[in-house]
Structure formats: C-alpha cells, structure tokens
Amino acid sequence: MNFSKRLSEAIEYRGVSQKWLADKSNTTEATISRYMNGKASPAILEILHDIAVALNVSADYLIGITNLPQSKESISEEEKVIISVWSKVSAEDKQVFYALLNRYLSPDERAILLRGDKR
C-alpha cells in the first residue's frame, strides 16, 4: 500500500490543491504535504488495511463510507470500469440505465436508486 502515491494521484485526478484538501479534511497543508512526500504515513491506515484484508471487506465499509462490505478485489474489471465512469454519465442516460436494470433490482436496491435521483 503506497498511501503517498495514491494521495498524489487522487489530488491530481480531482484537480484540487493541497490547501483545498487540507481545509476540507480539517488538517494542515503541511500534513498533506508530508503524506504526499512519504515523510509521514497515518499508522491507522496500516491497521485498517490489515483488518480489511483479514475480514475480506473494504476499508470503505469499515469506516462507514459504504454499506457494501464486499472487498474491491472481488469486483470484476468490467464493474470497476462502470463505477469509474459513472460520475460522467448524464442524468438522462442514468434513467435509461435504471430502466434496463429495473427487472433485476430488489425493492431495497430500487429504493436506493430512487433516493439517488432526488439528489
């Protein structure tokens, strides 16, 4: 796990500054810089990583970002591509996608998608 590399890539991908990230994450720009340069690494990340691997769940699940316990390693390459481009899909195209999926959705899954429409 290379936190500094992934952090740098994420900052570049999102097109934000270290200052912006520091402000949004309630820390200092100096702390973000140390993480990006590999001069510091949050020890909790190593523990979180080891727990997630041991339980075969995602770290996102453990910290409450998602309710899907599935480990990202168990997601197919095709699913990863769909997830990565989802933010670029227009609202109209999402409606088409939902219509195609409708017959495969459980009532709970359908409710999640309906909640997403109202955001």
PDB file of N, CA and C in Angstrom:
ATOM      1  N   MET A   1       0.862  -1.176   0.000  1.00  0.00           N
ATOM      2  CA  MET A   1       0.000   0.000   0.000  1.00  0.00           C
ATOM      3  C   MET A   1       0.906   1.235   0.000  1.00  0.00           C
ATOM      4  N   ASN A   2       0.723   2.093  -0.952  1.00  0.00           N
ATOM      5  CA  ASN A   2       1.524   3.303  -1.037  1.00  0.00           C
ATOM      6  C   ASN A   2       0.590   4.509  -0.933  1.00  0.00           C
ATOM      7  N   PHE A   3       0.339   4.922   0.285  1.00  0.00           N
ATOM      8  CA  PHE A   3      -0.603   5.999   0.541  1.00  0.00           C
ATOM      9  C   PHE A   3      -0.180   7.290  -0.138  1.00  0.00           C
ATOM     10  N   SER A   4       1.105   7.622  -0.078  1.00  0.00           N
ATOM     11  CA  SER A   4       1.542   8.902  -0.645  1.00  0.00           C
ATOM     12  C   SER A   4       1.306   8.945  -2.149  1.00  0.00           C
ATOM     13  N   LYS A   5       1.584   7.855  -2.837  1.00  0.00           N
ATOM     14  CA  LYS A   5       1.376   7.819  -4.282  1.00  0.00           C
ATOM     15  C   LYS A   5      -0.114   7.933  -4.614  1.00  0.00           C
ATOM     16  N   ARG A   6      -0.938   7.176  -3.905  1.00  0.00           N
ATOM     17  CA  ARG A   6      -2.381   7.216  -4.163  1.00  0.00           C
ATOM     18  C   ARG A   6      -2.975   8.586  -3.830  1.00  0.00           C
ATOM     19  N   LEU A   7      -2.491   9.187  -2.761  1.00  0.00           N
ATOM     20  CA  LEU A   7      -2.968  10.520  -2.401  1.00  0.00           C
ATOM     21  C   LEU A   7      -2.598  11.518  -3.486  1.00  0.00           C
ATOM     22  N   SER A   8      -1.368  11.474  -3.940  1.00  0.00           N
ATOM     23  CA  SER A   8      -0.934  12.383  -5.008  1.00  0.00           C
ATOM     24  C   SER A   8      -1.764  12.187  -6.271  1.00  0.00           C
ATOM     25  N   GLU A   9      -2.001  10.930  -6.639  1.00  0.00           N
ATOM     26  CA  GLU A   9      -2.809  10.638  -7.826  1.00  0.00           C
ATOM     27  C   GLU A   9      -4.239  11.151  -7.669  1.00  0.00           C
ATOM     28  N   ALA A  10      -4.810  10.970  -6.488  1.00  0.00           N
ATOM     29  CA  ALA A  10      -6.187  11.408  -6.246  1.00  0.00           C
ATOM     30  C   ALA A  10      -6.295  12.934  -6.305  1.00  0.00           C
ATOM     31  N   ILE A  11      -5.320  13.620  -5.744  1.00  0.00           N
ATOM     32  CA  ILE A  11      -5.312  15.092  -5.788  1.00  0.00           C
ATOM     33  C   ILE A  11      -5.223  15.567  -7.232  1.00  0.00           C
ATOM     34  N   GLU A  12      -4.321  14.941  -7.993  1.00  0.00           N
ATOM     35  CA  GLU A  12      -4.170  15.327  -9.395  1.00  0.00           C
ATOM     36  C   GLU A  12      -5.440  15.008 -10.187  1.00  0.00           C
ATOM     37  N   TYR A  13      -6.010  13.825  -9.976  1.00  0.00           N
ATOM     38  CA  TYR A  13      -7.212  13.415 -10.691  1.00  0.00           C
ATOM     39  C   TYR A  13      -8.377  14.371 -10.419  1.00  0.00           C
ATOM     40  N   ARG A  14      -8.512  14.761  -9.170  1.00  0.00           N
ATOM     41  CA  ARG A  14      -9.610  15.668  -8.788  1.00  0.00           C
ATOM     42  C   ARG A  14      -9.313  17.120  -9.142  1.00  0.00           C
ATOM     43  N   GLY A  15      -8.050  17.434  -9.408  1.00  0.00           N
ATOM     44  CA  GLY A  15      -7.685  18.793  -9.787  1.00  0.00           C
ATOM     45  C   GLY A  15      -7.802  19.788  -8.646  1.00  0.00           C
ATOM     46  N   VAL A  16      -7.455  19.337  -7.447  1.00  0.00           N
ATOM     47  CA  VAL A  16      -7.544  20.215  -6.280  1.00  0.00           C
ATOM     48  C   VAL A  16      -6.139  20.500  -5.751  1.00  0.00           C
ATOM     49  N   SER A  17      -6.050  21.484  -4.894  1.00  0.00           N
ATOM     50  CA  SER A  17      -4.761  21.831  -4.291  1.00  0.00           C
ATOM     51  C   SER A  17      -4.610  21.152  -2.931  1.00  0.00           C
ATOM     52  N   GLN A  18      -3.371  21.123  -2.453  1.00  0.00           N
ATOM     53  CA  GLN A  18      -3.123  20.601  -1.114  1.00  0.00           C
ATOM     54  C   GLN A  18      -3.859  21.437  -0.071  1.00  0.00           C
ATOM     55  N   LYS A  19      -3.886  22.748  -0.279  1.00  0.00           N
ATOM     56  CA  LYS A  19      -4.591  23.640   0.656  1.00  0.00           C
ATOM     57  C   LYS A  19      -6.077  23.317   0.695  1.00  0.00           C
ATOM     58  N   TRP A  20      -6.672  23.131  -0.472  1.00  0.00           N
ATOM     59  CA  TRP A  20      -8.106  22.804  -0.531  1.00  0.00           C
ATOM     60  C   TRP A  20      -8.373  21.512   0.240  1.00  0.00           C
ATOM     61  N   LEU A  21      -7.542  20.488  -0.009  1.00  0.00           N
ATOM     62  CA  LEU A  21      -7.731  19.209   0.671  1.00  0.00           C
ATOM     63  C   LEU A  21      -7.539  19.354   2.175  1.00  0.00           C
ATOM     64  N   ALA A  22      -6.539  20.104   2.571  1.00  0.00           N
ATOM     65  CA  ALA A  22      -6.304  20.320   3.998  1.00  0.00           C
ATOM     66  C   ALA A  22      -7.517  20.974   4.647  1.00  0.00           C
ATOM     67  N   ASP A  23      -8.055  21.993   3.997  1.00  0.00           N
ATOM     68  CA  ASP A  23      -9.240  22.674   4.537  1.00  0.00           C
ATOM     69  C   ASP A  23     -10.429  21.722   4.647  1.00  0.00           C
ATOM     70  N   LYS A  24     -10.657  20.925   3.602  1.00  0.00           N
ATOM     71  CA  LYS A  24     -11.812  20.016   3.581  1.00  0.00           C
ATOM     72  C   LYS A  24     -11.653  18.838   4.535  1.00  0.00           C
ATOM     73  N   SER A  25     -10.403  18.488   4.854  1.00  0.00           N
ATOM     74  CA  SER A  25     -10.181  17.333   5.726  1.00  0.00           C
ATOM     75  C   SER A  25      -9.753  17.730   7.139  1.00  0.00           C
ATOM     76  N   ASN A  26      -9.934  19.004   7.448  1.00  0.00           N
ATOM     77  CA  ASN A  26      -9.666  19.501   8.805  1.00  0.00           C
ATOM     78  C   ASN A  26      -8.248  19.199   9.290  1.00  0.00           C
ATOM     79  N   THR A  27      -7.291  19.450   8.417  1.00  0.00           N
ATOM     80  CA  THR A  27      -5.893  19.280   8.794  1.00  0.00           C
ATOM     81  C   THR A  27      -5.107  20.445   8.200  1.00  0.00           C
ATOM     82  N   THR A  28      -3.803  20.347   8.247  1.00  0.00           N
ATOM     83  CA  THR A  28      -2.985  21.439   7.724  1.00  0.00           C
ATOM     84  C   THR A  28      -2.406  21.062   6.359  1.00  0.00           C
ATOM     85  N   GLU A  29      -2.044  22.094   5.612  1.00  0.00           N
ATOM     86  CA  GLU A  29      -1.396  21.869   4.325  1.00  0.00           C
ATOM     87  C   GLU A  29      -0.063  21.148   4.527  1.00  0.00           C
ATOM     88  N   ALA A  30       0.627  21.454   5.614  1.00  0.00           N
ATOM     89  CA  ALA A  30       1.903  20.794   5.913  1.00  0.00           C
ATOM     90  C   ALA A  30       1.711  19.295   6.119  1.00  0.00           C
ATOM     91  N   THR A  31       0.623  18.908   6.773  1.00  0.00           N
ATOM     92  CA  THR A  31       0.343  17.490   6.985  1.00  0.00           C
ATOM     93  C   THR A  31       0.087  16.799   5.649  1.00  0.00           C
ATOM     94  N   ILE A  32      -0.719  17.418   4.799  1.00  0.00           N
ATOM     95  CA  ILE A  32      -0.987  16.851   3.475  1.00  0.00           C
ATOM     96  C   ILE A  32       0.323  16.708   2.705  1.00  0.00           C
ATOM     97  N   SER A  33       1.175  17.725   2.764  1.00  0.00           N
ATOM     98  CA  SER A  33       2.464  17.687   2.080  1.00  0.00           C
ATOM     99  C   SER A  33       3.329  16.536   2.585  1.00  0.00           C
ATOM    100  N   ARG A  34       3.375  16.329   3.897  1.00  0.00           N
ATOM    101  CA  ARG A  34       4.164  15.222   4.461  1.00  0.00           C
ATOM    102  C   ARG A  34       3.629  13.881   3.976  1.00  0.00           C
ATOM    103  N   TYR A  35       2.308  13.733   3.922  1.00  0.00           N
ATOM    104  CA  TYR A  35       1.720  12.486   3.428  1.00  0.00           C
ATOM    105  C   TYR A  35       2.068  12.274   1.956  1.00  0.00           C
ATOM    106  N   MET A  36       1.982  13.352   1.162  1.00  0.00           N
ATOM    107  CA  MET A  36       2.258  13.228  -0.270  1.00  0.00           C
ATOM    108  C   MET A  36       3.723  12.899  -0.544  1.00  0.00           C
ATOM    109  N   ASN A  37       4.617  13.430   0.269  1.00  0.00           N
ATOM    110  CA  ASN A  37       6.046  13.211   0.079  1.00  0.00           C
ATOM    111  C   ASN A  37       6.559  11.946   0.751  1.00  0.00           C
ATOM    112  N   GLY A  38       5.664  11.198   1.391  1.00  0.00           N
ATOM    113  CA  GLY A  38       6.059   9.951   2.038  1.00  0.00           C
ATOM    114  C   GLY A  38       6.843  10.143   3.318  1.00  0.00           C
ATOM    115  N   LYS A  39       6.833  11.378   3.862  1.00  0.00           N
ATOM    116  CA  LYS A  39       7.570  11.657   5.096  1.00  0.00           C
ATOM    117  C   LYS A  39       6.760  11.285   6.332  1.00  0.00           C
ATOM    118  N   ALA A  40       5.474  11.023   6.124  1.00  0.00           N
ATOM    119  CA  ALA A  40       4.606  10.595   7.217  1.00  0.00           C
ATOM    120  C   ALA A  40       3.544   9.688   6.625  1.00  0.00           C
ATOM    121  N   SER A  41       3.097   8.759   7.414  1.00  0.00           N
ATOM    122  CA  SER A  41       2.015   7.871   6.997  1.00  0.00           C
ATOM    123  C   SER A  41       1.145   7.605   8.208  1.00  0.00           C
ATOM    124  N   PRO A  42      -0.126   7.850   8.066  1.00  0.00           N
ATOM    125  CA  PRO A  42      -1.010   7.591   9.207  1.00  0.00           C
ATOM    126  C   PRO A  42      -0.971   6.114   9.590  1.00  0.00           C
ATOM    127  N   ALA A  43      -0.496   5.793  10.775  1.00  0.00           N
ATOM    128  CA  ALA A  43      -0.363   4.400  11.218  1.00  0.00           C
ATOM    129  C   ALA A  43      -1.702   3.674  11.173  1.00  0.00           C
ATOM    130  N   ILE A  44      -2.778   4.380  11.430  1.00  0.00           N
ATOM    131  CA  ILE A  44      -4.088   3.752  11.428  1.00  0.00           C
ATOM    132  C   ILE A  44      -4.408   3.134  10.072  1.00  0.00           C
ATOM    133  N   LEU A  45      -3.833   3.688   8.996  1.00  0.00           N
ATOM    134  CA  LEU A  45      -4.089   3.133   7.668  1.00  0.00           C
ATOM    135  C   LEU A  45      -3.555   1.715   7.536  1.00  0.00           C
ATOM    136  N   GLU A  46      -2.404   1.464   8.110  1.00  0.00           N
ATOM    137  CA  GLU A  46      -1.848   0.117   8.053  1.00  0.00           C
ATOM    138  C   GLU A  46      -2.716  -0.855   8.837  1.00  0.00           C
ATOM    139  N   ILE A  47      -3.185  -0.423   9.988  1.00  0.00           N
ATOM    140  CA  ILE A  47      -4.065  -1.268  10.797  1.00  0.00           C
ATOM    141  C   ILE A  47      -5.384  -1.496  10.066  1.00  0.00           C
ATOM    142  N   LEU A  48      -5.961  -0.432   9.530  1.00  0.00           N
ATOM    143  CA  LEU A  48      -7.211  -0.535   8.775  1.00  0.00           C
ATOM    144  C   LEU A  48      -7.046  -1.480   7.589  1.00  0.00           C
ATOM    145  N   HIS A  49      -5.949  -1.340   6.873  1.00  0.00           N
ATOM    146  CA  HIS A  49      -5.657  -2.214   5.733  1.00  0.00           C
ATOM    147  C   HIS A  49      -5.630  -3.674   6.168  1.00  0.00           C
ATOM    148  N   ASP A  50      -4.898  -3.974   7.237  1.00  0.00           N
ATOM    149  CA  ASP A  50      -4.750  -5.352   7.704  1.00  0.00           C
ATOM    150  C   ASP A  50      -6.086  -5.934   8.164  1.00  0.00           C
ATOM    151  N   ILE A  51      -6.901  -5.130   8.831  1.00  0.00           N
ATOM    152  CA  ILE A  51      -8.220  -5.606   9.281  1.00  0.00           C
ATOM    153  C   ILE A  51      -9.113  -5.892   8.076  1.00  0.00           C
ATOM    154  N   ALA A  52      -9.121  -4.978   7.108  1.00  0.00           N
ATOM    155  CA  ALA A  52      -9.951  -5.161   5.911  1.00  0.00           C
ATOM    156  C   ALA A  52      -9.538  -6.417   5.152  1.00  0.00           C
ATOM    157  N   VAL A  53      -8.242  -6.628   5.003  1.00  0.00           N
ATOM    158  CA  VAL A  53      -7.753  -7.824   4.303  1.00  0.00           C
ATOM    159  C   VAL A  53      -8.148  -9.077   5.080  1.00  0.00           C
ATOM    160  N   ALA A  54      -7.960  -9.064   6.384  1.00  0.00           N
ATOM    161  CA  ALA A  54      -8.284 -10.232   7.202  1.00  0.00           C
ATOM    162  C   ALA A  54      -9.768 -10.600   7.122  1.00  0.00           C
ATOM    163  N   LEU A  55     -10.624  -9.587   7.077  1.00  0.00           N
ATOM    164  CA  LEU A  55     -12.071  -9.826   7.036  1.00  0.00           C
ATOM    165  C   LEU A  55     -12.617  -9.905   5.612  1.00  0.00           C
ATOM    166  N   ASN A  56     -11.769  -9.613   4.616  1.00  0.00           N
ATOM    167  CA  ASN A  56     -12.162  -9.574   3.209  1.00  0.00           C
ATOM    168  C   ASN A  56     -13.346  -8.624   2.997  1.00  0.00           C
ATOM    169  N   VAL A  57     -13.213  -7.448   3.569  1.00  0.00           N
ATOM    170  CA  VAL A  57     -14.179  -6.373   3.354  1.00  0.00           C
ATOM    171  C   VAL A  57     -13.401  -5.133   2.932  1.00  0.00           C
ATOM    172  N   SER A  58     -14.106  -4.153   2.416  1.00  0.00           N
ATOM    173  CA  SER A  58     -13.411  -2.932   2.014  1.00  0.00           C
ATOM    174  C   SER A  58     -13.201  -2.023   3.222  1.00  0.00           C
ATOM    175  N   ALA A  59     -12.148  -1.233   3.155  1.00  0.00           N
ATOM    176  CA  ALA A  59     -11.909  -0.232   4.195  1.00  0.00           C
ATOM    177  C   ALA A  59     -13.046   0.781   4.199  1.00  0.00           C
ATOM    178  N   ASP A  60     -13.594   1.081   3.017  1.00  0.00           N
ATOM    179  CA  ASP A  60     -14.741   1.992   2.928  1.00  0.00           C
ATOM    180  C   ASP A  60     -15.900   1.483   3.772  1.00  0.00           C
ATOM    181  N   TYR A  61     -16.113   0.181   3.771  1.00  0.00           N
ATOM    182  CA  TYR A  61     -17.189  -0.407   4.575  1.00  0.00           C
ATOM    183  C   TYR A  61     -16.897  -0.236   6.067  1.00  0.00           C
ATOM    184  N   LEU A  62     -15.668  -0.515   6.468  1.00  0.00           N
ATOM    185  CA  LEU A  62     -15.317  -0.431   7.887  1.00  0.00           C
ATOM    186  C   LEU A  62     -15.465   0.980   8.448  1.00  0.00           C
ATOM    187  N   ILE A  63     -15.178   1.997   7.640  1.00  0.00           N
ATOM    188  CA  ILE A  63     -15.250   3.371   8.162  1.00  0.00           C
ATOM    189  C   ILE A  63     -16.566   4.069   7.826  1.00  0.00           C
ATOM    190  N   GLY A  64     -17.499   3.322   7.213  1.00  0.00           N
ATOM    191  CA  GLY A  64     -18.842   3.850   7.019  1.00  0.00           C
ATOM    192  C   GLY A  64     -19.075   4.656   5.755  1.00  0.00           C
ATOM    193  N   ILE A  65     -18.172   4.600   4.794  1.00  0.00           N
ATOM    194  CA  ILE A  65     -18.389   5.317   3.535  1.00  0.00           C
ATOM    195  C   ILE A  65     -19.415   4.589   2.682  1.00  0.00           C
ATOM    196  N   THR A  66     -19.432   3.265   2.767  1.00  0.00           N
ATOM    197  CA  THR A  66     -20.385   2.458   2.017  1.00  0.00           C
ATOM    198  C   THR A  66     -20.994   1.414   2.927  1.00  0.00           C
ATOM    199  N   ASN A  67     -22.147   0.923   2.539  1.00  0.00           N
ATOM    200  CA  ASN A  67     -22.785  -0.176   3.273  1.00  0.00           C
ATOM    201  C   ASN A  67     -22.530  -1.515   2.593  1.00  0.00           C
ATOM    202  N   LEU A  68     -21.704  -1.504   1.557  1.00  0.00           N
ATOM    203  CA  LEU A  68     -21.371  -2.731   0.838  1.00  0.00           C
ATOM    204  C   LEU A  68     -20.079  -3.306   1.400  1.00  0.00           C
ATOM    205  N   PRO A  69     -20.154  -4.439   2.102  1.00  0.00           N
ATOM    206  CA  PRO A  69     -18.950  -4.985   2.718  1.00  0.00           C
ATOM    207  C   PRO A  69     -17.979  -5.623   1.733  1.00  0.00           C
ATOM    208  N   GLN A  70     -18.402  -5.815   0.509  1.00  0.00           N
ATOM    209  CA  GLN A  70     -17.604  -6.514  -0.494  1.00  0.00           C
ATOM    210  C   GLN A  70     -16.250  -5.855  -0.692  1.00  0.00           C
ATOM    211  N   SER A  71     -15.235  -6.674  -0.711  1.00  0.00           N
ATOM    212  CA  SER A  71     -13.896  -6.181  -0.980  1.00  0.00           C
ATOM    213  C   SER A  71     -13.783  -5.773  -2.443  1.00  0.00           C
ATOM    214  N   LYS A  72     -13.044  -4.712  -2.719  1.00  0.00           N
ATOM    215  CA  LYS A  72     -12.894  -4.246  -4.097  1.00  0.00           C
ATOM    216  C   LYS A  72     -12.215  -5.292  -4.974  1.00  0.00           C
ATOM    217  N   GLU A  73     -11.425  -6.185  -4.380  1.00  0.00           N
ATOM    218  CA  GLU A  73     -10.774  -7.230  -5.166  1.00  0.00           C
ATOM    219  C   GLU A  73     -11.785  -8.204  -5.753  1.00  0.00           C
ATOM    220  N   SER A  74     -12.974  -8.284  -5.150  1.00  0.00           N
ATOM    221  CA  SER A  74     -13.974  -9.218  -5.646  1.00  0.00           C
ATOM    222  C   SER A  74     -14.872  -8.579  -6.709  1.00  0.00           C
ATOM    223  N   ILE A  75     -14.600  -7.342  -7.073  1.00  0.00           N
ATOM    224  CA  ILE A  75     -15.340  -6.668  -8.125  1.00  0.00           C
ATOM    225  C   ILE A  75     -14.599  -6.904  -9.442  1.00  0.00           C
ATOM    226  N   SER A  76     -15.330  -7.293 -10.472  1.00  0.00           N
ATOM    227  CA  SER A  76     -14.704  -7.579 -11.762  1.00  0.00           C
ATOM    228  C   SER A  76     -14.157  -6.303 -12.402  1.00  0.00           C
ATOM    229  N   GLU A  77     -13.274  -6.483 -13.365  1.00  0.00           N
ATOM    230  CA  GLU A  77     -12.722  -5.343 -14.102  1.00  0.00           C
ATOM    231  C   GLU A  77     -13.837  -4.567 -14.798  1.00  0.00           C
ATOM    232  N   GLU A  78     -14.804  -5.278 -15.347  1.00  0.00           N
ATOM    233  CA  GLU A  78     -15.930  -4.634 -16.012  1.00  0.00           C
ATOM    234  C   GLU A  78     -16.702  -3.742 -15.041  1.00  0.00           C
ATOM    235  N   GLU A  79     -16.950  -4.248 -13.822  1.00  0.00           N
ATOM    236  CA  GLU A  79     -17.654  -3.459 -12.813  1.00  0.00           C
ATOM    237  C   GLU A  79     -16.840  -2.234 -12.403  1.00  0.00           C
ATOM    238  N   LYS A  80     -15.529  -2.377 -12.285  1.00  0.00           N
ATOM    239  CA  LYS A  80     -14.667  -1.258 -11.914  1.00  0.00           C
ATOM    240  C   LYS A  80     -14.732  -0.148 -12.960  1.00  0.00           C
ATOM    241  N   VAL A  81     -14.754  -0.529 -14.237  1.00  0.00           N
ATOM    242  CA  VAL A  81     -14.840   0.471 -15.301  1.00  0.00           C
ATOM    243  C   VAL A  81     -16.167   1.210 -15.220  1.00  0.00           C
ATOM    244  N   ILE A  82     -17.254   0.475 -15.035  1.00  0.00           N
ATOM    245  CA  ILE A  82     -18.581   1.103 -14.936  1.00  0.00           C
ATOM    246  C   ILE A  82     -18.619   2.070 -13.759  1.00  0.00           C
ATOM    247  N   ILE A  83     -18.085   1.649 -12.631  1.00  0.00           N
ATOM    248  CA  ILE A  83     -18.061   2.512 -11.451  1.00  0.00           C
ATOM    249  C   ILE A  83     -17.217   3.760 -11.705  1.00  0.00           C
ATOM    250  N   SER A  84     -16.074   3.587 -12.360  1.00  0.00           N
ATOM    251  CA  SER A  84     -15.175   4.734 -12.560  1.00  0.00           C
ATOM    252  C   SER A  84     -15.754   5.780 -13.503  1.00  0.00           C
ATOM    253  N   VAL A  85     -16.603   5.388 -14.454  1.00  0.00           N
ATOM    254  CA  VAL A  85     -17.160   6.368 -15.395  1.00  0.00           C
ATOM    255  C   VAL A  85     -18.544   6.871 -14.975  1.00  0.00           C
ATOM    256  N   TRP A  86     -19.098   6.319 -13.920  1.00  0.00           N
ATOM    257  CA  TRP A  86     -20.466   6.657 -13.525  1.00  0.00           C
ATOM    258  C   TRP A  86     -20.665   8.158 -13.312  1.00  0.00           C
ATOM    259  N   SER A  87     -19.691   8.847 -12.750  1.00  0.00           N
ATOM    260  CA  SER A  87     -19.845  10.281 -12.475  1.00  0.00           C
ATOM    261  C   SER A  87     -19.944  11.100 -13.757  1.00  0.00           C
ATOM    262  N   LYS A  88     -19.535  10.533 -14.881  1.00  0.00           N
ATOM    263  CA  LYS A  88     -19.590  11.241 -16.158  1.00  0.00           C
ATOM    264  C   LYS A  88     -20.907  11.015 -16.910  1.00  0.00           C
ATOM    265  N   VAL A  89     -21.717  10.085 -16.443  1.00  0.00           N
ATOM    266  CA  VAL A  89     -22.946   9.722 -17.136  1.00  0.00           C
ATOM    267  C   VAL A  89     -24.010  10.793 -16.887  1.00  0.00           C
ATOM    268  N   SER A  90     -24.674  11.208 -17.946  1.00  0.00           N
ATOM    269  CA  SER A  90     -25.714  12.238 -17.819  1.00  0.00           C
ATOM    270  C   SER A  90     -26.922  11.695 -17.071  1.00  0.00           C
ATOM    271  N   ALA A  91     -27.712  12.577 -16.515  1.00  0.00           N
ATOM    272  CA  ALA A  91     -28.918  12.190 -15.787  1.00  0.00           C
ATOM    273  C   ALA A  91     -29.867  11.407 -16.695  1.00  0.00           C
ATOM    274  N   GLU A  92     -29.970  11.836 -17.944  1.00  0.00           N
ATOM    275  CA  GLU A  92     -30.856  11.143 -18.890  1.00  0.00           C
ATOM    276  C   GLU A  92     -30.373   9.713 -19.144  1.00  0.00           C
ATOM    277  N   ASP A  93     -29.069   9.555 -19.329  1.00  0.00           N
ATOM    278  CA  ASP A  93     -28.524   8.224 -19.577  1.00  0.00           C
ATOM    279  C   ASP A  93     -28.645   7.336 -18.338  1.00  0.00           C
ATOM    280  N   LYS A  94     -28.542   7.935 -17.150  1.00  0.00           N
ATOM    281  CA  LYS A  94     -28.738   7.144 -15.932  1.00  0.00           C
ATOM    282  C   LYS A  94     -30.158   6.592 -15.877  1.00  0.00           C
ATOM    283  N   GLN A  95     -31.131   7.382 -16.314  1.00  0.00           N
ATOM    284  CA  GLN A  95     -32.518   6.910 -16.334  1.00  0.00           C
ATOM    285  C   GLN A  95     -32.675   5.713 -17.269  1.00  0.00           C
ATOM    286  N   VAL A  96     -32.003   5.755 -18.412  1.00  0.00           N
ATOM    287  CA  VAL A  96     -32.035   4.626 -19.351  1.00  0.00           C
ATOM    288  C   VAL A  96     -31.411   3.399 -18.689  1.00  0.00           C
ATOM    289  N   PHE A  97     -30.286   3.610 -18.027  1.00  0.00           N
ATOM    290  CA  PHE A  97     -29.591   2.518 -17.344  1.00  0.00           C
ATOM    291  C   PHE A  97     -30.482   1.909 -16.259  1.00  0.00           C
ATOM    292  N   TYR A  98     -31.125   2.765 -15.457  1.00  0.00           N
ATOM    293  CA  TYR A  98     -32.020   2.280 -14.404  1.00  0.00           C
ATOM    294  C   TYR A  98     -33.170   1.476 -14.999  1.00  0.00           C
ATOM    295  N   ALA A  99     -33.707   1.928 -16.114  1.00  0.00           N
ATOM    296  CA  ALA A  99     -34.811   1.214 -16.760  1.00  0.00           C
ATOM    297  C   ALA A  99     -34.360  -0.182 -17.205  1.00  0.00           C
ATOM    298  N   LEU A 100     -33.142  -0.275 -17.717  1.00  0.00           N
ATOM    299  CA  LEU A 100     -32.617  -1.571 -18.131  1.00  0.00           C
ATOM    300  C   LEU A 100     -32.404  -2.505 -16.939  1.00  0.00           C
ATOM    301  N   LEU A 101     -31.989  -1.944 -15.817  1.00  0.00           N
ATOM    302  CA  LEU A 101     -31.721  -2.740 -14.624  1.00  0.00           C
ATOM    303  C   LEU A 101     -32.975  -3.096 -13.832  1.00  0.00           C
ATOM    304  N   ASN A 102     -34.046  -2.385 -14.037  1.00  0.00           N
ATOM    305  CA  ASN A 102     -35.225  -2.460 -13.178  1.00  0.00           C
ATOM    306  C   ASN A 102     -35.671  -3.889 -12.872  1.00  0.00           C
ATOM    307  N   ARG A 103     -35.702  -4.740 -13.864  1.00  0.00           N
ATOM    308  CA  ARG A 103     -36.205  -6.102 -13.628  1.00  0.00           C
ATOM    309  C   ARG A 103     -35.266  -6.952 -12.788  1.00  0.00           C
ATOM    310  N   TYR A 104     -34.029  -6.512 -12.588  1.00  0.00           N
ATOM    311  CA  TYR A 104     -33.051  -7.255 -11.804  1.00  0.00           C
ATOM    312  C   TYR A 104     -32.903  -6.734 -10.372  1.00  0.00           C
ATOM    313  N   LEU A 105     -33.527  -5.603 -10.085  1.00  0.00           N
ATOM    314  CA  LEU A 105     -33.345  -4.950  -8.791  1.00  0.00           C
ATOM    315  C   LEU A 105     -34.283  -5.494  -7.727  1.00  0.00           C
ATOM    316  N   SER A 106     -33.741  -5.606  -6.515  1.00  0.00           N
ATOM    317  CA  SER A 106     -34.589  -5.913  -5.364  1.00  0.00           C
ATOM    318  C   SER A 106     -35.301  -4.619  -4.968  1.00  0.00           C
ATOM    319  N   PRO A 107     -36.363  -4.715  -4.178  1.00  0.00           N
ATOM    320  CA  PRO A 107     -37.023  -3.484  -3.722  1.00  0.00           C
ATOM    321  C   PRO A 107     -36.073  -2.532  -2.984  1.00  0.00           C
ATOM    322  N   ASP A 108     -35.165  -3.068  -2.183  1.00  0.00           N
ATOM    323  CA  ASP A 108     -34.211  -2.214  -1.460  1.00  0.00           C
ATOM    324  C   ASP A 108     -33.255  -1.511  -2.427  1.00  0.00           C
ATOM    325  N   GLU A 109     -32.787  -2.233  -3.430  1.00  0.00           N
ATOM    326  CA  GLU A 109     -31.886  -1.630  -4.416  1.00  0.00           C
ATOM    327  C   GLU A 109     -32.615  -0.556  -5.221  1.00  0.00           C
ATOM    328  N   ARG A 110     -33.852  -0.824  -5.570  1.00  0.00           N
ATOM    329  CA  ARG A 110     -34.656   0.148  -6.315  1.00  0.00           C
ATOM    330  C   ARG A 110     -34.834   1.426  -5.482  1.00  0.00           C
ATOM    331  N   ALA A 111     -35.071   1.264  -4.184  1.00  0.00           N
ATOM    332  CA  ALA A 111     -35.237   2.419  -3.294  1.00  0.00           C
ATOM    333  C   ALA A 111     -33.963   3.253  -3.235  1.00  0.00           C
ATOM    334  N   ILE A 112     -32.805   2.597  -3.228  1.00  0.00           N
ATOM    335  CA  ILE A 112     -31.526   3.318  -3.220  1.00  0.00           C
ATOM    336  C   ILE A 112     -31.391   4.156  -4.479  1.00  0.00           C
ATOM    337  N   LEU A 113     -31.725   3.585  -5.622  1.00  0.00           N
ATOM    338  CA  LEU A 113     -31.620   4.324  -6.884  1.00  0.00           C
ATOM    339  C   LEU A 113     -32.611   5.478  -6.921  1.00  0.00           C
ATOM    340  N   LEU A 114     -33.786   5.282  -6.385  1.00  0.00           N
ATOM    341  CA  LEU A 114     -34.778   6.362  -6.365  1.00  0.00           C
ATOM    342  C   LEU A 114     -34.311   7.505  -5.473  1.00  0.00           C
ATOM    343  N   ARG A 115     -33.684   7.186  -4.343  1.00  0.00           N
ATOM    344  CA  ARG A 115     -33.137   8.225  -3.467  1.00  0.00           C
ATOM    345  C   ARG A 115     -32.052   8.997  -4.195  1.00  0.00           C
ATOM    346  N   GLY A 116     -31.231   8.314  -4.986  1.00  0.00           N
ATOM    347  CA  GLY A 116     -30.158   8.950  -5.733  1.00  0.00           C
ATOM    348  C   GLY A 116     -30.680   9.927  -6.764  1.00  0.00           C
ATOM    349  N   ASP A 117     -31.856   9.657  -7.317  1.00  0.00           N
ATOM    350  CA  ASP A 117     -32.471  10.549  -8.320  1.00  0.00           C
ATOM    351  C   ASP A 117     -32.828  11.906  -7.737  1.00  0.00           C
ATOM    352  N   LYS A 118     -33.097  11.968  -6.457  1.00  0.00           N
ATOM    353  CA  LYS A 118     -33.593  13.194  -5.841  1.00  0.00           C
ATOM    354  C   LYS A 118     -32.472  14.086  -5.347  1.00  0.00           C
ATOM    355  N   ARG A 119     -31.231  13.672  -5.533  1.00  0.00           N
ATOM    356  CA  ARG A 119     -30.089  14.480  -5.072  1.00  0.00           C
ATOM    357  C   ARG A 119     -29.764  15.567  -6.028  1.00  0.00           C
TER     358      ARG A 119
END
